[in-house]
Structure formats: structure tokens, C-alpha cells
Amino acid sequence: MIVTAAGKPSGIFTERDVLKRVATKEINVRQTPIKQVMTAPVITMPRSALVGDVLVEMSRRDIRNMPVSGDDGELTGIVSMPEILQYARAFNVDEQVRRTWKEVAEYLDSEDQYTPG
């Protein structure tokens, strides 16, 4: 769920937020504002982004849901990891997506990514 304030996106509340910030904490869910348990700020990708680029960004940020923005920056939708994998299977590119995901993970785990400090 995208959370808005004054008509602008201010955060996202996903199942991961429920598990990490609600279910494992002793909070009163009837009195806790969503802004205390949502992830902010919202990270988006343009609707013109390629699936591979979205996968790279999702992997890099360790997220499973990516909001999609239109030409004027307005939110136009949200893509989830299961949807991307369904897309890949439908077009028989799931092996290519797996390879790309593996290459991204290996690159991110490599020493080339180490920055001291």
C-alpha cells in the first residue's frame, strides 16, 4: 500500500513492514499511526524502465515491491517480485531473469562493491 500525505506519496507499507514492525513488536495496532511503521521515503522507477533494471534496483535495495511513476512523477502502479517472475515465465525468459538476478547478486557481493568507512 502506498501511503500519501497531502496527495503526495510519503511511504509504502508492505507485508515485510507488517512482519518486521508490527507483528514482532508490542504495539497497539488500533492507536499506532501508519507513518510509524511504513517504509519511507518511497523509491520509484519510471514506467519506461526495463524489467532487468527494475530487478537490479529491487535486488540492490532488498525490496520486493517497486512503485512505478508516470511521466510527471505521479504514481501509476506497483510491481511485485511475483509479478515479474510470472511475466518471465509467460515469455519463457525465467532462466534469463534467474541468470541476471544471480549476476547482480554476485556483483553486489563482490569486493568491487566494498567502500570503507
C-alpha atoms as a PDB file:
ATOM      1  CA  MET A   1       0.000   0.000   0.000  1.00  0.00           C
ATOM      2  CA  ILE A   2       1.314   3.435  -0.913  1.00  0.00           C
ATOM      3  CA  VAL A   3       0.821   5.964   1.888  1.00  0.00           C
ATOM      4  CA  THR A   4       0.169   9.556   0.869  1.00  0.00           C
ATOM      5  CA  ALA A   5       0.235  12.873   2.680  1.00  0.00           C
ATOM      6  CA  ALA A   6      -1.320  15.946   1.080  1.00  0.00           C
ATOM      7  CA  GLY A   7      -1.823  13.919  -2.090  1.00  0.00           C
ATOM      8  CA  LYS A   8       1.873  13.035  -2.438  1.00  0.00           C
ATOM      9  CA  PRO A   9       3.473   9.625  -1.776  1.00  0.00           C
ATOM     10  CA  SER A  10       5.214   9.622   1.600  1.00  0.00           C
ATOM     11  CA  GLY A  11       5.838   5.928   2.225  1.00  0.00           C
ATOM     12  CA  ILE A  12       4.965   2.335   1.454  1.00  0.00           C
ATOM     13  CA  PHE A  13       3.509  -0.279   3.794  1.00  0.00           C
ATOM     14  CA  THR A  14       4.122  -3.890   2.751  1.00  0.00           C
ATOM     15  CA  GLU A  15       3.900  -7.373   4.252  1.00  0.00           C
ATOM     16  CA  ARG A  16       7.546  -7.019   5.246  1.00  0.00           C
ATOM     17  CA  ASP A  17       6.664  -3.937   7.311  1.00  0.00           C
ATOM     18  CA  VAL A  18       3.847  -5.899   8.955  1.00  0.00           C
ATOM     19  CA  LEU A  19       6.256  -8.694   9.880  1.00  0.00           C
ATOM     20  CA  LYS A  20       9.184  -6.514  10.995  1.00  0.00           C
ATOM     21  CA  ARG A  21       7.476  -3.511  12.540  1.00  0.00           C
ATOM     22  CA  VAL A  22       4.065  -4.700  13.691  1.00  0.00           C
ATOM     23  CA  ALA A  23       3.895  -8.440  14.372  1.00  0.00           C
ATOM     24  CA  THR A  24       7.235  -8.623  16.203  1.00  0.00           C
ATOM     25  CA  LYS A  25       6.612  -5.524  18.324  1.00  0.00           C
ATOM     26  CA  GLU A  26       4.258  -4.999  21.189  1.00  0.00           C
ATOM     27  CA  ILE A  27       2.338  -2.057  19.769  1.00  0.00           C
ATOM     28  CA  ASN A  28      -1.307  -1.126  19.886  1.00  0.00           C
ATOM     29  CA  VAL A  29      -2.305  -1.545  16.244  1.00  0.00           C
ATOM     30  CA  ARG A  30      -5.501   0.427  16.790  1.00  0.00           C
ATOM     31  CA  GLN A  31      -3.607   3.506  18.004  1.00  0.00           C
ATOM     32  CA  THR A  32      -0.295   3.391  16.088  1.00  0.00           C
ATOM     33  CA  PRO A  33      -0.196   5.737  13.082  1.00  0.00           C
ATOM     34  CA  ILE A  34       0.858   4.143   9.798  1.00  0.00           C
ATOM     35  CA  LYS A  35       3.706   6.671   9.478  1.00  0.00           C
ATOM     36  CA  GLN A  36       5.432   4.942  12.421  1.00  0.00           C
ATOM     37  CA  VAL A  37       5.541   1.549  10.702  1.00  0.00           C
ATOM     38  CA  MET A  38       5.793   2.361   6.986  1.00  0.00           C
ATOM     39  CA  THR A  39       8.979   2.455   4.931  1.00  0.00           C
ATOM     40  CA  ALA A  40       9.888   5.961   3.811  1.00  0.00           C
ATOM     41  CA  PRO A  41      10.753   7.577   1.508  1.00  0.00           C
ATOM     42  CA  VAL A  42       9.101   5.848  -1.442  1.00  0.00           C
ATOM     43  CA  ILE A  43      11.545   4.575  -4.083  1.00  0.00           C
ATOM     44  CA  THR A  44      10.047   4.504  -7.596  1.00  0.00           C
ATOM     45  CA  MET A  45      11.060   3.516 -11.102  1.00  0.00           C
ATOM     46  CA  PRO A  46       9.718   5.173 -14.266  1.00  0.00           C
ATOM     47  CA  ARG A  47       7.165   3.203 -16.245  1.00  0.00           C
ATOM     48  CA  SER A  48       9.641   3.210 -19.146  1.00  0.00           C
ATOM     49  CA  ALA A  49      12.218   1.239 -17.093  1.00  0.00           C
ATOM     50  CA  LEU A  50      13.220  -2.169 -18.406  1.00  0.00           C
ATOM     51  CA  VAL A  51      12.333  -5.229 -16.354  1.00  0.00           C
ATOM     52  CA  GLY A  52      16.034  -6.016 -15.892  1.00  0.00           C
ATOM     53  CA  ASP A  53      16.685  -2.536 -14.496  1.00  0.00           C
ATOM     54  CA  VAL A  54      13.790  -2.901 -12.069  1.00  0.00           C
ATOM     55  CA  LEU A  55      15.176  -6.284 -10.947  1.00  0.00           C
ATOM     56  CA  VAL A  56      18.618  -4.769 -10.372  1.00  0.00           C
ATOM     57  CA  GLU A  57      17.190  -1.932  -8.283  1.00  0.00           C
ATOM     58  CA  MET A  58      14.952  -4.272  -6.281  1.00  0.00           C
ATOM     59  CA  SER A  59      17.904  -6.552  -5.580  1.00  0.00           C
ATOM     60  CA  ARG A  60      20.209  -3.672  -4.667  1.00  0.00           C
ATOM     61  CA  ARG A  61      17.697  -2.243  -2.214  1.00  0.00           C
ATOM     62  CA  ASP A  62      16.446  -5.665  -0.999  1.00  0.00           C
ATOM     63  CA  ILE A  63      12.827  -4.823  -1.754  1.00  0.00           C
ATOM     64  CA  ARG A  64      10.042  -6.912  -3.273  1.00  0.00           C
ATOM     65  CA  ASN A  65       7.616  -4.184  -4.347  1.00  0.00           C
ATOM     66  CA  MET A  66       8.511  -1.316  -6.680  1.00  0.00           C
ATOM     67  CA  PRO A  67       6.137   1.603  -7.230  1.00  0.00           C
ATOM     68  CA  VAL A  68       6.035   2.817 -10.826  1.00  0.00           C
ATOM     69  CA  SER A  69       5.883   6.506 -11.729  1.00  0.00           C
ATOM     70  CA  GLY A  70       4.469   8.196 -14.813  1.00  0.00           C
ATOM     71  CA  ASP A  71       5.949  10.908 -16.984  1.00  0.00           C
ATOM     72  CA  ASP A  72       5.065  13.643 -14.479  1.00  0.00           C
ATOM     73  CA  GLY A  73       6.278  11.668 -11.452  1.00  0.00           C
ATOM     74  CA  GLU A  74       2.774  10.570 -10.461  1.00  0.00           C
ATOM     75  CA  LEU A  75       2.330   7.022  -9.196  1.00  0.00           C
ATOM     76  CA  THR A  76       0.813   4.805 -11.861  1.00  0.00           C
ATOM     77  CA  GLY A  77       1.153   1.366 -10.281  1.00  0.00           C
ATOM     78  CA  ILE A  78       3.283  -1.047  -8.334  1.00  0.00           C
ATOM     79  CA  VAL A  79       5.211  -4.107  -9.479  1.00  0.00           C
ATOM     80  CA  SER A  80       5.982  -7.006  -7.159  1.00  0.00           C
ATOM     81  CA  MET A  81       8.607  -9.703  -7.439  1.00  0.00           C
ATOM     82  CA  PRO A  82       5.997 -12.471  -8.005  1.00  0.00           C
ATOM     83  CA  GLU A  83       4.523 -10.434 -10.889  1.00  0.00           C
ATOM     84  CA  ILE A  84       7.925 -10.048 -12.517  1.00  0.00           C
ATOM     85  CA  LEU A  85       8.547 -13.780 -12.203  1.00  0.00           C
ATOM     86  CA  GLN A  86       5.103 -14.550 -13.709  1.00  0.00           C
ATOM     87  CA  TYR A  87       5.952 -12.221 -16.598  1.00  0.00           C
ATOM     88  CA  ALA A  88       9.251 -14.013 -17.091  1.00  0.00           C
ATOM     89  CA  ARG A  89       7.570 -17.438 -17.151  1.00  0.00           C
ATOM     90  CA  ALA A  90       4.873 -16.236 -19.545  1.00  0.00           C
ATOM     91  CA  PHE A  91       7.506 -15.177 -22.054  1.00  0.00           C
ATOM     92  CA  ASN A  92       9.786 -18.102 -21.275  1.00  0.00           C
ATOM     93  CA  VAL A  93      12.568 -15.816 -20.068  1.00  0.00           C
ATOM     94  CA  ASP A  94      12.653 -17.051 -16.484  1.00  0.00           C
ATOM     95  CA  GLU A  95      16.100 -18.619 -16.988  1.00  0.00           C
ATOM     96  CA  GLN A  96      17.448 -15.328 -18.307  1.00  0.00           C
ATOM     97  CA  VAL A  97      15.936 -13.466 -15.332  1.00  0.00           C
ATOM     98  CA  ARG A  98      17.475 -16.004 -12.927  1.00  0.00           C
ATOM     99  CA  ARG A  99      20.874 -15.551 -14.584  1.00  0.00           C
ATOM    100  CA  THR A 100      20.565 -11.771 -14.435  1.00  0.00           C
ATOM    101  CA  TRP A 101      19.493 -11.914 -10.778  1.00  0.00           C
ATOM    102  CA  LYS A 102      22.442 -14.197  -9.980  1.00  0.00           C
ATOM    103  CA  GLU A 103      24.885 -11.895 -11.809  1.00  0.00           C
ATOM    104  CA  VAL A 104      23.540  -8.888  -9.925  1.00  0.00           C
ATOM    105  CA  ALA A 105      23.819 -10.710  -6.580  1.00  0.00           C
ATOM    106  CA  GLU A 106      27.377 -11.828  -7.351  1.00  0.00           C
ATOM    107  CA  TYR A 107      28.367  -8.309  -8.382  1.00  0.00           C
ATOM    108  CA  LEU A 108      26.838  -6.786  -5.256  1.00  0.00           C
ATOM    109  CA  ASP A 109      28.640  -9.378  -3.108  1.00  0.00           C
ATOM    110  CA  SER A 110      31.981  -8.825  -4.847  1.00  0.00           C
ATOM    111  CA  GLU A 111      34.842  -6.832  -3.377  1.00  0.00           C
ATOM    112  CA  ASP A 112      34.314  -4.249  -6.129  1.00  0.00           C
ATOM    113  CA  GLN A 113      31.347  -3.027  -4.102  1.00  0.00           C
ATOM    114  CA  TYR A 114      33.300  -2.573  -0.848  1.00  0.00           C
ATOM    115  CA  THR A 115      33.628   1.028   0.227  1.00  0.00           C
ATOM    116  CA  PRO A 116      35.426   1.599   3.520  1.00  0.00           C
ATOM    117  CA  GLY A 117      34.068   3.958   6.036  1.00  0.00           C
END
